[in-house]
């Protein structure tokens, strides 16, 4: 039986992904800041030390994963909204978005050597976004969110190069889920074209299919829900 770790397990996509993976016979462990009533779940404060301690404890328990999904992220909060213009740029909002979307995933990435199954084919998936593509930026706006995802993409690609030196069968997937019907996208759904607002179940199904297709994936790739590559 393969084993997966879902980080940021309280999100809509992560919850649907847990169901999808378990339906296909994967043993799922999960982590979130919110307590969930499910087996093999840990409630964890996302600090650098807490993440390092959790990963070390998992290693000491003999846990290793063929699939790791990092689903953490934020687009908006009570005092943080995507900027429509330069005049809306805020240093404090920028730092908070960068912490959630870039720094927290990097804390997990920096501990991956403790969690990857040493000799198995492993895929590490991180939820990114098309707006993080510098090449694909045609509309502007959303400065902090774009920057956080662009930084996440570059840091993941850089980490993949290093980690694959010791874990040669590991691959890294940056995944754009499209606009998913969730709390994250709720304020921005009115302009979504017909047929382009996806259910969490649909996204989870597409994500599982892509992330488990080891032969299809490059060492580090950026793909959307429809298996189409996105330029970094």
Foldseek 3Di string as FASTA:
>chain_A
DFEEEEEQCPFQLNVLLVVVCVVVPYHYAYEHCDDDPDPNYYRFDQDLVRLLVVLVVCLVVVAAHQEYEYEWAAAADPPAHWFPDPVPDDPVNLVVRLCGLAVSVVSNLVSNVSHHDQADQHEYEYEAALLLAPVPDDPDTRVSNNVSRVNNQVVQVVSLVVVCVRRVNYAYEHEHQFAEPTPRCVVPPPPQDPPRHHYSNLSSVLVVVVRPPSVPGDRYFYAYSVRHGHHD
